[in-house]
Amino acid sequence: MSDAPTNAHEFTVSEISSAVKSTIEDQFGHVRVRGEVGRLSRPGSGHLYFDLKDENAVMSAVAWKGVVARWRIQPEQGMEVIVTGKLTTFPGQSKYQIIVENVEPAGVGALMALLEERRKKLLAEGLFDKDRKKELPYLPQVIGVVTSPTGAVIRDILHRLDDRFPTHVIVWPVRVQGDSCAPEVAAAVRGFNALQAGGPIARPDLIIVARGGGSVEDLWGFNEEAVVRAVAESDIPVISAVGHETDITLVDYAADRRAPTPTGAAEMAVPVRAELIAYVEDLGTRQRAATRRVAASYRDRLRAASAGLPRPLDLVANARQRLDFAGERLSGGLRAARQKKALHLANIAPRLSATLLRQRTGDAHRHLDQLTGRIPNAVTRSLADRQRHLNGIAKLLDSLSHKSALRRGFALVTDTKGALVRAADGLQPGDGLTLEFADGKVGVMVGDTSGAPAKPKPAKSTPPKANPDDPQTTLF
């Protein structure tokens, strides 16, 4: 390298970086770039960082948090997109990048691929299962319509409802195209479900989500997950009427019923009033005719049954005759019974004198006195017999009692708990015992239990006094 002096200007790193930044921004400004989304990062700040690449090069892309929230389609790795933004540099890493302001898929094919991928994802979650579908009410009192209030769709629905069955309709105005379409439609479906029954605003019995036909991009708001999940979670049955018959959106899969057109949704929602009135009138006519036929049949059966019944007078004639005969016999029987009783009274009247009654009463008193005199002797003999029997039992009990054995010189041995001690096995030196004799109880303590012969006891009628210093003496 030559050490010769030079007049070349010396730049700082910052000056070079600033010059490059100005050159790139002035030369390109806002550009549209097409490429495949590569590495993608969403840090906690909410900003979006990703790579745009093709077969030969890679470009860094940055999107700020507020811009990302307004995008209709969120980029995903592997998706081909067209981004619009401003080309600039990042001096901290000496690289250029694009500040992205908008993202759109690169053609219908990319949208359809994204749509199919999203459909499979939601299908796997069970949002399109038939078990989740709810039956539509036959005649809803209130219908909620989620659509644009200024389009032809709402006019077609109202006109068709008025032709078929005039019904109270509540319109929740939303944008049916653009970036705000999906959040507004999802909020409308959830808003109808949040209404309380009997509140100031009537809660719909049925919801219609409607929009006219359009391209895939125009209908894309009805393919967003927020709208699909709101429709699938709705407690109120939902009819999807988005686009024409050939237009299919994910909302159609999640709704309880899909209508080919908004007018078809109105036809599904309510029956034809005139046909319903005619049907009800026909049912009323058939019911009245059936009632008349049943009444006539029962009338004929009653007449046939009544023809075989006897007349009421014939049914009671025999009973009336028996009553007459019984009445005649009753009067004669009463007279005969009165005469018989009078004759019987005349026969027994002489025996009803006062003298006879006093005689019989005296005889009864004398018999009673005799019985009263014999009662004390019988009671005395019975008590004496029972006393002798009781004395015999007492003597037998005394002979069998343990106290009789104690009087013969035996002793009853119990432990400190009062339990009977039947053998020396189990006793330990120092255990307290109680000896019960015929004339009282004494407490003793167990001494040596080795089985050595004990000293002979003195031949006295009463036990010797215990020496407190001699444990052997205390034991006996």
Protein backbone atom coordinates (compact mmCIF):
# COMPACT_ATOMS: atom_id res chain seq x y z
CA MET A 1 0.00 0.00 0.00
CA SER A 2 1.29 3.45 -0.83
CA ASP A 3 1.87 5.95 1.97
CA ALA A 4 1.69 8.95 -0.37
CA PRO A 5 -0.58 11.76 0.81
CA THR A 6 -4.07 12.07 -0.80
CA ASN A 7 -6.73 14.75 -0.99
CA ALA A 8 -9.68 12.31 -0.71
CA HIS A 9 -12.38 13.41 1.79
CA GLU A 10 -12.81 11.33 4.90
CA PHE A 11 -16.42 10.37 5.77
CA THR A 12 -17.72 9.12 9.08
CA VAL A 13 -19.80 5.99 9.24
CA SER A 14 -22.89 8.03 10.11
CA GLU A 15 -22.32 10.33 7.14
CA ILE A 16 -22.10 7.41 4.76
CA SER A 17 -25.21 5.79 6.28
CA SER A 18 -27.16 9.07 6.04
CA ALA A 19 -26.09 9.60 2.43
CA VAL A 20 -27.12 6.09 1.44
CA LYS A 21 -30.46 6.51 3.23
CA SER A 22 -31.18 9.79 1.43
CA THR A 23 -30.16 8.36 -1.94
CA ILE A 24 -32.40 5.31 -1.61
CA GLU A 25 -35.43 7.21 -0.30
CA ASP A 26 -35.10 9.92 -3.00
CA GLN A 27 -34.56 7.42 -5.79
CA PHE A 28 -37.37 4.97 -4.98
CA GLY A 29 -39.85 6.59 -2.58
CA HIS A 30 -43.09 4.54 -2.49
CA VAL A 31 -42.83 1.22 -4.30
CA ARG A 32 -44.85 -1.95 -4.80
CA VAL A 33 -42.87 -5.15 -4.29
CA ARG A 34 -44.01 -8.69 -5.05
CA GLY A 35 -42.52 -11.65 -3.25
CA GLU A 36 -42.99 -14.61 -0.96
CA VAL A 37 -43.25 -14.10 2.79
CA GLY A 38 -40.28 -15.74 4.46
CA ARG A 39 -39.22 -15.52 8.08
CA LEU A 40 -41.96 -13.72 10.06
CA SER A 41 -41.76 -12.31 13.60
CA ARG A 42 -44.35 -10.64 15.87
CA PRO A 43 -42.60 -9.31 19.01
CA GLY A 44 -44.42 -8.02 22.06
CA SER A 45 -44.35 -4.46 20.71
CA GLY A 46 -47.01 -5.39 18.16
CA HIS A 47 -44.85 -4.49 15.14
CA LEU A 48 -44.43 -7.01 12.33
CA TYR A 49 -41.04 -8.04 10.90
CA PHE A 50 -40.78 -10.37 7.92
CA ASP A 51 -38.72 -11.15 4.82
CA LEU A 52 -39.77 -10.77 1.19
CA LYS A 53 -37.93 -13.13 -1.10
CA ASP A 54 -37.83 -14.53 -4.58
CA GLU A 55 -35.51 -17.05 -6.16
CA ASN A 56 -32.53 -14.63 -6.20
CA ALA A 57 -32.77 -12.15 -3.31
CA VAL A 58 -34.21 -11.38 0.12
CA MET A 59 -35.51 -8.01 1.40
CA SER A 60 -36.36 -7.10 4.98
CA ALA A 61 -39.81 -5.65 5.65
CA VAL A 62 -41.20 -3.82 8.67
CA ALA A 63 -44.79 -2.86 9.48
CA TRP A 64 -45.72 -0.76 12.48
CA LYS A 65 -48.37 -1.85 14.97
CA GLY A 66 -51.04 0.70 14.01
CA VAL A 67 -50.69 -0.12 10.30
CA VAL A 68 -50.90 -3.89 10.82
CA ALA A 69 -54.21 -3.57 12.70
CA ARG A 70 -55.85 -1.99 9.62
CA TRP A 71 -54.86 -4.71 7.16
CA ARG A 72 -57.64 -6.84 5.75
CA ILE A 73 -55.30 -9.81 5.19
CA GLN A 74 -52.48 -10.73 7.56
CA PRO A 75 -49.37 -12.14 5.83
CA GLU A 76 -48.37 -15.69 6.63
CA GLN A 77 -45.15 -17.55 5.94
CA GLY A 78 -45.07 -19.02 2.44
CA MET A 79 -47.78 -16.67 1.14
CA GLU A 80 -47.12 -14.69 -2.07
CA VAL A 81 -48.05 -11.04 -1.54
CA ILE A 82 -47.69 -7.57 -3.03
CA VAL A 83 -46.63 -4.97 -0.48
CA THR A 84 -46.75 -1.20 -0.82
CA GLY A 85 -44.40 0.95 1.19
CA LYS A 86 -41.38 3.19 1.44
CA LEU A 87 -37.88 1.93 0.80
CA THR A 88 -35.31 3.04 3.38
CA THR A 89 -32.23 1.85 5.29
CA PHE A 90 -31.54 0.77 8.84
CA PRO A 91 -28.14 2.21 9.84
CA GLY A 92 -27.91 0.01 12.92
CA GLN A 93 -27.35 -3.06 10.74
CA SER A 94 -26.16 -1.48 7.44
CA LYS A 95 -29.07 -2.91 5.44
CA TYR A 96 -31.98 -1.58 3.46
CA GLN A 97 -35.61 -2.43 4.15
CA ILE A 98 -39.12 -1.51 3.19
CA ILE A 99 -41.56 0.12 5.59
CA VAL A 100 -44.79 -1.65 4.59
CA GLU A 101 -48.06 0.30 4.52
CA ASN A 102 -50.34 -2.24 2.84
CA VAL A 103 -50.35 -5.97 2.01
CA GLU A 104 -52.51 -7.76 -0.54
CA PRO A 105 -52.32 -11.30 -1.92
CA ALA A 106 -50.64 -11.73 -5.26
CA GLY A 107 -53.65 -12.79 -7.33
CA VAL A 108 -56.81 -14.80 -6.84
CA GLY A 109 -54.89 -18.05 -6.65
CA ALA A 110 -53.15 -16.97 -3.47
CA LEU A 111 -56.45 -15.89 -1.94
CA MET A 112 -58.07 -19.22 -2.76
CA ALA A 113 -55.13 -21.10 -1.30
CA LEU A 114 -55.38 -19.03 1.88
CA LEU A 115 -59.13 -19.55 1.94
CA GLU A 116 -58.77 -23.32 1.64
CA GLU A 117 -56.14 -23.45 4.35
CA ARG A 118 -58.37 -21.43 6.67
CA ARG A 119 -61.38 -23.61 5.87
CA LYS A 120 -59.48 -26.77 6.81
CA LYS A 121 -58.32 -25.18 10.05
CA LEU A 122 -61.83 -24.16 11.13
CA LEU A 123 -63.25 -27.48 9.98
CA ALA A 124 -60.78 -29.30 12.21
CA GLU A 125 -61.97 -27.18 15.13
CA GLY A 126 -65.54 -28.39 14.56
CA LEU A 127 -67.05 -25.00 13.64
CA PHE A 128 -68.76 -26.49 10.57
CA ASP A 129 -70.17 -29.64 12.19
CA LYS A 130 -73.80 -30.44 11.47
CA ASP A 131 -74.40 -31.14 15.14
CA ARG A 132 -73.91 -27.44 15.82
CA LYS A 133 -76.65 -26.40 13.41
CA LYS A 134 -79.84 -25.06 14.96
CA GLU A 135 -83.36 -25.33 13.60
CA LEU A 136 -84.85 -22.12 12.19
CA PRO A 137 -87.99 -20.83 13.96
CA TYR A 138 -91.14 -21.46 11.91
CA LEU A 139 -92.54 -17.97 12.34
CA PRO A 140 -90.03 -15.52 13.88
CA GLN A 141 -91.54 -12.45 15.52
CA VAL A 142 -88.37 -10.37 15.09
CA ILE A 143 -85.67 -10.76 12.41
CA GLY A 144 -82.26 -9.13 12.71
CA VAL A 145 -80.49 -8.28 9.43
CA VAL A 146 -76.75 -7.60 9.33
CA THR A 147 -76.01 -5.72 6.11
CA SER A 148 -75.43 -2.29 4.58
CA PRO A 149 -78.43 0.00 5.16
CA THR A 150 -77.96 1.74 1.81
CA GLY A 151 -77.59 -1.19 -0.59
CA ALA A 152 -80.15 -3.02 -2.66
CA VAL A 153 -79.87 -6.10 -0.44
CA ILE A 154 -81.88 -4.71 2.48
CA ARG A 155 -84.57 -3.43 0.12
CA ASP A 156 -84.89 -6.86 -1.50
CA ILE A 157 -85.17 -8.56 1.89
CA LEU A 158 -87.77 -6.12 3.22
CA HIS A 159 -89.80 -6.31 0.02
CA ARG A 160 -89.79 -10.11 0.05
CA LEU A 161 -90.73 -10.26 3.73
CA ASP A 162 -93.59 -7.83 3.13
CA ASP A 163 -94.89 -10.02 0.28
CA ARG A 164 -94.72 -13.24 2.25
CA PHE A 165 -95.35 -12.36 5.90
CA PRO A 166 -94.85 -8.82 7.27
CA THR A 167 -92.48 -9.13 10.21
CA HIS A 168 -90.67 -6.73 12.53
CA VAL A 169 -87.12 -6.27 11.18
CA ILE A 170 -84.12 -4.74 12.97
CA VAL A 171 -81.21 -3.70 10.73
CA TRP A 172 -77.71 -3.57 12.19
CA PRO A 173 -75.79 -1.36 9.72
CA VAL A 174 -72.29 -2.57 8.77
CA ARG A 175 -69.81 -2.15 5.96
CA VAL A 176 -69.91 -5.22 3.74
CA GLN A 177 -66.57 -4.56 2.04
CA GLY A 178 -63.17 -3.27 3.05
CA ASP A 179 -60.92 -3.47 6.06
CA SER A 180 -63.66 -2.74 8.63
CA CYS A 181 -66.13 -5.27 7.23
CA ALA A 182 -65.10 -8.28 9.32
CA PRO A 183 -64.95 -6.60 12.76
CA GLU A 184 -68.25 -4.79 12.16
CA VAL A 185 -70.11 -7.93 11.04
CA ALA A 186 -68.72 -9.95 13.96
CA ALA A 187 -69.72 -7.20 16.40
CA ALA A 188 -73.23 -7.06 14.90
CA VAL A 189 -73.82 -10.82 15.33
CA ARG A 190 -72.53 -10.71 18.91
CA GLY A 191 -74.55 -7.54 19.56
CA PHE A 192 -77.82 -9.20 18.54
CA ASN A 193 -77.02 -12.14 20.84
CA ALA A 194 -76.29 -9.74 23.72
CA LEU A 195 -79.79 -8.21 23.59
CA GLN A 196 -82.02 -9.24 26.48
CA ALA A 197 -85.49 -10.69 25.94
CA GLY A 198 -88.09 -8.13 26.93
CA GLY A 199 -85.59 -5.25 26.78
CA PRO A 200 -86.08 -1.85 25.10
CA ILE A 201 -84.77 -3.37 21.84
CA ALA A 202 -86.41 -6.64 20.91
CA ARG A 203 -84.08 -9.65 20.72
CA PRO A 204 -84.29 -11.26 17.26
CA ASP A 205 -85.52 -14.80 16.82
CA LEU A 206 -83.47 -15.10 13.63
CA ILE A 207 -80.41 -13.35 12.14
CA ILE A 208 -79.74 -12.86 8.42
CA VAL A 209 -76.18 -11.96 7.37
CA ALA A 210 -76.53 -10.61 3.83
CA ARG A 211 -74.49 -9.03 1.05
CA GLY A 212 -74.73 -8.80 -2.73
CA GLY A 213 -72.42 -10.54 -5.16
CA GLY A 214 -68.82 -9.56 -5.85
CA SER A 215 -65.32 -10.78 -6.44
CA VAL A 216 -63.29 -12.88 -4.04
CA GLU A 217 -61.62 -9.74 -2.76
CA ASP A 218 -64.96 -7.99 -2.26
CA LEU A 219 -66.35 -10.90 -0.22
CA TRP A 220 -63.16 -11.52 1.71
CA GLY A 221 -64.46 -9.90 4.91
CA PHE A 222 -66.91 -12.82 5.28
CA ASN A 223 -64.00 -15.28 5.19
CA GLU A 224 -62.29 -13.77 8.22
CA GLU A 225 -62.04 -15.94 11.35
CA ALA A 226 -63.67 -13.28 13.54
CA VAL A 227 -66.88 -13.39 11.48
CA VAL A 228 -66.91 -17.18 11.18
CA ARG A 229 -66.44 -17.68 14.91
CA ALA A 230 -69.11 -15.10 15.79
CA VAL A 231 -71.65 -16.85 13.54
CA ALA A 232 -70.72 -20.32 14.85
CA GLU A 233 -71.03 -19.18 18.49
CA SER A 234 -74.40 -17.43 17.98
CA ASP A 235 -77.23 -18.69 20.17
CA ILE A 236 -79.70 -17.22 17.66
CA PRO A 237 -80.10 -19.20 14.40
CA VAL A 238 -78.26 -17.54 11.51
CA ILE A 239 -79.00 -17.56 7.75
CA SER A 240 -76.05 -16.71 5.51
CA ALA A 241 -76.97 -14.84 2.31
CA VAL A 242 -73.59 -13.57 1.09
CA GLY A 243 -73.12 -13.10 -2.66
CA HIS A 244 -74.82 -15.04 -5.42
CA GLU A 245 -75.53 -18.74 -5.54
CA THR A 246 -72.08 -19.51 -6.95
CA ASP A 247 -70.25 -17.45 -4.31
CA ILE A 248 -69.07 -19.53 -1.35
CA THR A 249 -67.65 -17.97 1.83
CA LEU A 250 -66.65 -19.49 5.15
CA VAL A 251 -69.66 -17.87 6.78
CA ASP A 252 -71.86 -20.14 4.64
CA TYR A 253 -70.28 -23.20 6.33
CA ALA A 254 -70.68 -21.81 9.87
CA ALA A 255 -74.27 -20.54 9.47
CA ASP A 256 -77.25 -22.72 10.39
CA ARG A 257 -78.67 -22.33 6.87
CA ARG A 258 -77.24 -20.97 3.60
CA ALA A 259 -79.44 -19.02 1.20
CA PRO A 260 -78.46 -18.66 -2.48
CA THR A 261 -79.43 -14.97 -2.45
CA PRO A 262 -80.66 -12.39 0.07
CA THR A 263 -84.16 -12.80 -1.39
CA GLY A 264 -83.89 -16.54 -0.81
CA ALA A 265 -82.96 -15.83 2.82
CA ALA A 266 -86.21 -13.90 3.26
CA GLU A 267 -88.13 -16.83 1.79
CA MET A 268 -86.43 -19.22 4.24
CA ALA A 269 -87.16 -16.94 7.17
CA VAL A 270 -90.97 -16.75 6.96
CA PRO A 271 -93.77 -18.68 5.27
CA VAL A 272 -96.25 -17.12 2.85
CA ARG A 273 -98.96 -15.49 4.93
CA ALA A 274 -101.76 -16.19 2.44
CA GLU A 275 -100.74 -19.85 2.17
CA LEU A 276 -100.52 -20.10 5.94
CA ILE A 277 -104.01 -18.58 6.34
CA ALA A 278 -105.40 -20.95 3.71
CA TYR A 279 -103.71 -23.89 5.40
CA VAL A 280 -105.11 -22.92 8.81
CA GLU A 281 -108.60 -22.44 7.33
CA ASP A 282 -108.36 -25.84 5.66
CA LEU A 283 -107.34 -27.41 8.96
CA GLY A 284 -110.29 -25.67 10.66
CA THR A 285 -112.70 -26.94 8.02
CA ARG A 286 -111.38 -30.46 8.31
CA GLN A 287 -111.57 -30.29 12.09
CA ARG A 288 -115.19 -29.11 12.05
CA ALA A 289 -116.15 -31.81 9.55
CA ALA A 290 -114.43 -34.46 11.67
CA THR A 291 -116.23 -33.18 14.78
CA ARG A 292 -119.59 -33.38 13.02
CA ARG A 293 -118.86 -36.91 11.83
CA VAL A 294 -117.86 -38.05 15.31
CA ALA A 295 -120.94 -36.41 16.86
CA ALA A 296 -123.24 -38.02 14.29
CA SER A 297 -121.64 -41.42 14.89
CA TYR A 298 -122.13 -41.16 18.65
CA ARG A 299 -125.69 -39.94 18.14
CA ASP A 300 -126.53 -42.98 16.01
CA ARG A 301 -124.92 -45.32 18.52
CA LEU A 302 -126.93 -43.71 21.35
CA ARG A 303 -130.18 -44.11 19.46
CA ALA A 304 -129.42 -47.76 18.73
CA ALA A 305 -128.57 -48.41 22.36
CA SER A 306 -131.66 -46.59 23.66
CA ALA A 307 -133.92 -48.67 21.44
CA GLY A 308 -132.96 -51.82 23.37
CA LEU A 309 -133.54 -50.30 26.82
CA PRO A 310 -136.88 -50.83 28.66
CA ARG A 311 -139.13 -47.89 29.57
CA PRO A 312 -138.42 -46.25 32.94
CA LEU A 313 -141.96 -47.02 34.20
CA ASP A 314 -141.47 -50.70 33.42
CA LEU A 315 -138.21 -50.72 35.40
CA VAL A 316 -139.92 -49.48 38.62
CA ALA A 317 -143.31 -51.17 38.23
CA ASN A 318 -142.36 -54.38 40.10
CA ALA A 319 -140.61 -52.47 42.86
CA ARG A 320 -143.62 -50.22 43.28
CA GLN A 321 -145.93 -53.24 43.59
CA ARG A 322 -143.67 -54.88 46.18
CA LEU A 323 -143.72 -51.65 48.14
CA ASP A 324 -147.51 -51.61 48.19
CA PHE A 325 -147.68 -55.20 49.42
CA ALA A 326 -145.08 -54.53 52.14
CA GLY A 327 -147.04 -51.46 53.31
CA GLU A 328 -150.23 -53.46 53.72
CA ARG A 329 -148.43 -56.22 55.66
CA LEU A 330 -146.64 -53.69 57.86
CA SER A 331 -149.81 -52.16 59.28
CA GLY A 332 -151.29 -55.58 60.15
CA GLY A 333 -148.00 -56.78 61.64
CA LEU A 334 -147.78 -53.76 63.91
CA ARG A 335 -151.23 -54.42 65.31
CA ALA A 336 -150.48 -58.11 65.90
CA ALA A 337 -147.17 -57.28 67.62
CA ARG A 338 -148.86 -54.74 69.90
CA GLN A 339 -151.48 -57.26 70.96
CA LYS A 340 -148.83 -59.95 71.65
CA LYS A 341 -146.75 -57.62 73.85
CA ALA A 342 -149.89 -56.51 75.77
CA LEU A 343 -150.80 -60.14 76.50
CA HIS A 344 -147.25 -60.89 77.71
CA LEU A 345 -147.32 -57.87 80.02
CA ALA A 346 -150.63 -58.96 81.49
CA ASN A 347 -149.15 -62.39 82.25
CA ILE A 348 -146.08 -61.12 84.14
CA ALA A 349 -147.76 -58.18 85.92
CA PRO A 350 -148.73 -60.24 89.04
CA ARG A 351 -145.04 -61.17 89.58
CA LEU A 352 -143.87 -57.57 89.73
CA SER A 353 -145.04 -56.92 93.40
CA ALA A 354 -142.88 -54.92 95.88
CA THR A 355 -142.87 -57.73 98.46
CA LEU A 356 -141.34 -60.16 95.97
CA LEU A 357 -138.66 -57.66 95.01
CA ARG A 358 -137.72 -56.97 98.68
CA GLN A 359 -137.43 -60.73 99.34
CA ARG A 360 -135.09 -61.30 96.44
CA THR A 361 -132.96 -58.30 97.46
CA GLY A 362 -132.60 -59.67 101.03
CA ASP A 363 -131.48 -63.07 99.76
CA ALA A 364 -128.82 -61.42 97.63
CA HIS A 365 -127.49 -59.38 100.60
CA ARG A 366 -127.17 -62.49 102.79
CA HIS A 367 -125.25 -64.37 100.08
CA LEU A 368 -122.89 -61.41 99.71
CA ASP A 369 -122.19 -61.33 103.48
CA GLN A 370 -121.27 -64.98 103.43
CA LEU A 371 -118.77 -64.46 100.64
CA THR A 372 -117.24 -61.43 102.39
CA GLY A 373 -116.58 -63.44 105.58
CA ARG A 374 -114.64 -66.15 103.72
CA ILE A 375 -112.31 -63.79 101.82
CA PRO A 376 -109.86 -62.76 104.70
CA ASN A 377 -109.15 -66.42 105.66
CA ALA A 378 -108.30 -67.36 102.06
CA VAL A 379 -106.00 -64.33 101.67
CA THR A 380 -104.17 -65.12 104.95
CA ARG A 381 -103.54 -68.73 103.93
CA SER A 382 -102.24 -67.65 100.49
CA LEU A 383 -99.79 -65.12 102.05
CA ALA A 384 -98.46 -67.73 104.53
CA ASP A 385 -97.80 -70.21 101.73
CA ARG A 386 -95.91 -67.59 99.71
CA GLN A 387 -93.84 -66.55 102.79
CA ARG A 388 -92.71 -70.15 103.36
CA HIS A 389 -91.75 -70.50 99.71
CA LEU A 390 -89.76 -67.25 99.83
CA ASN A 391 -87.87 -68.37 102.98
CA GLY A 392 -86.86 -71.60 101.29
CA ILE A 393 -85.50 -69.73 98.26
CA ALA A 394 -83.53 -67.37 100.56
CA LYS A 395 -81.88 -70.29 102.36
CA LEU A 396 -80.96 -71.90 99.04
CA LEU A 397 -79.49 -68.63 97.80
CA ASP A 398 -77.44 -68.23 100.99
CA SER A 399 -76.04 -71.75 100.70
CA LEU A 400 -74.98 -71.13 97.10
CA SER A 401 -73.52 -67.66 97.75
CA HIS A 402 -69.71 -67.08 97.80
CA LYS A 403 -70.09 -65.61 101.28
CA SER A 404 -70.85 -69.10 102.59
CA ALA A 405 -67.47 -70.23 101.20
CA LEU A 406 -65.80 -67.21 102.87
CA ARG A 407 -67.24 -68.26 106.25
CA ARG A 408 -65.65 -71.65 105.78
CA GLY A 409 -62.18 -70.03 105.58
CA PHE A 410 -61.77 -69.17 101.92
CA ALA A 411 -60.86 -65.70 100.56
CA LEU A 412 -61.86 -63.83 97.38
CA VAL A 413 -58.86 -62.28 95.54
CA THR A 414 -59.35 -59.24 93.26
CA ASP A 415 -56.93 -56.81 91.57
CA THR A 416 -56.89 -53.02 91.86
CA LYS A 417 -59.62 -52.76 89.16
CA GLY A 418 -61.93 -55.12 91.02
CA ALA A 419 -61.42 -58.01 88.55
CA LEU A 420 -61.36 -61.53 90.00
CA VAL A 421 -57.87 -63.17 90.16
CA ARG A 422 -58.25 -66.88 89.44
CA ALA A 423 -54.53 -67.94 89.11
CA ALA A 424 -51.03 -66.82 90.14
CA ASP A 425 -49.90 -66.81 86.52
CA GLY A 426 -49.72 -63.24 85.28
CA LEU A 427 -49.07 -61.60 88.65
CA GLN A 428 -45.92 -59.56 89.04
CA PRO A 429 -44.07 -58.53 92.23
CA GLY A 430 -45.44 -55.27 93.49
CA ASP A 431 -48.98 -55.79 92.09
CA GLY A 432 -51.69 -54.70 94.52
CA LEU A 433 -54.44 -57.18 95.45
CA THR A 434 -57.50 -57.16 97.68
CA LEU A 435 -58.41 -60.18 99.86
CA GLU A 436 -62.04 -60.40 100.88
CA PHE A 437 -62.77 -62.56 103.99
CA ALA A 438 -66.04 -63.30 105.63
CA ASP A 439 -65.56 -60.44 108.12
CA GLY A 440 -63.95 -57.81 105.82
CA LYS A 441 -61.33 -56.89 103.18
CA VAL A 442 -57.56 -56.30 103.39
CA GLY A 443 -55.11 -54.96 100.80
CA VAL A 444 -51.93 -56.90 100.05
CA MET A 445 -48.96 -56.59 97.65
CA VAL A 446 -47.46 -59.45 95.62
CA GLY A 447 -43.95 -60.38 96.73
CA ASP A 448 -41.69 -63.13 95.31
CA THR A 449 -43.49 -65.19 92.62
CA SER A 450 -40.68 -67.75 92.05
CA GLY A 451 -42.65 -70.53 93.70
CA ALA A 452 -40.55 -70.84 96.98
CA PRO A 453 -42.56 -72.33 99.84
CA ALA A 454 -44.08 -69.70 102.09
CA LYS A 455 -43.65 -69.65 105.83
CA PRO A 456 -46.43 -71.42 107.73
CA LYS A 457 -49.13 -69.15 108.98
CA PRO A 458 -49.78 -68.99 112.75
CA ALA A 459 -52.81 -70.99 113.83
CA LYS A 460 -55.01 -68.11 114.80
CA SER A 461 -58.57 -67.38 113.96
CA THR A 462 -57.59 -63.87 112.89
CA PRO A 463 -54.68 -62.91 110.64
CA PRO A 464 -51.60 -61.37 112.32
CA LYS A 465 -50.98 -57.69 112.11
CA ALA A 466 -48.93 -56.71 109.11
CA ASN A 467 -45.40 -55.42 109.59
CA PRO A 468 -44.89 -52.51 107.20
CA ASP A 469 -41.15 -53.28 106.92
CA ASP A 470 -41.65 -56.95 105.97
CA PRO A 471 -43.22 -57.32 102.45
CA GLN A 472 -43.69 -61.07 102.95
CA THR A 473 -45.73 -60.43 106.07
CA THR A 474 -47.73 -57.84 104.15
CA LEU A 475 -48.58 -60.39 101.46
CA PHE A 476 -50.18 -62.77 103.97
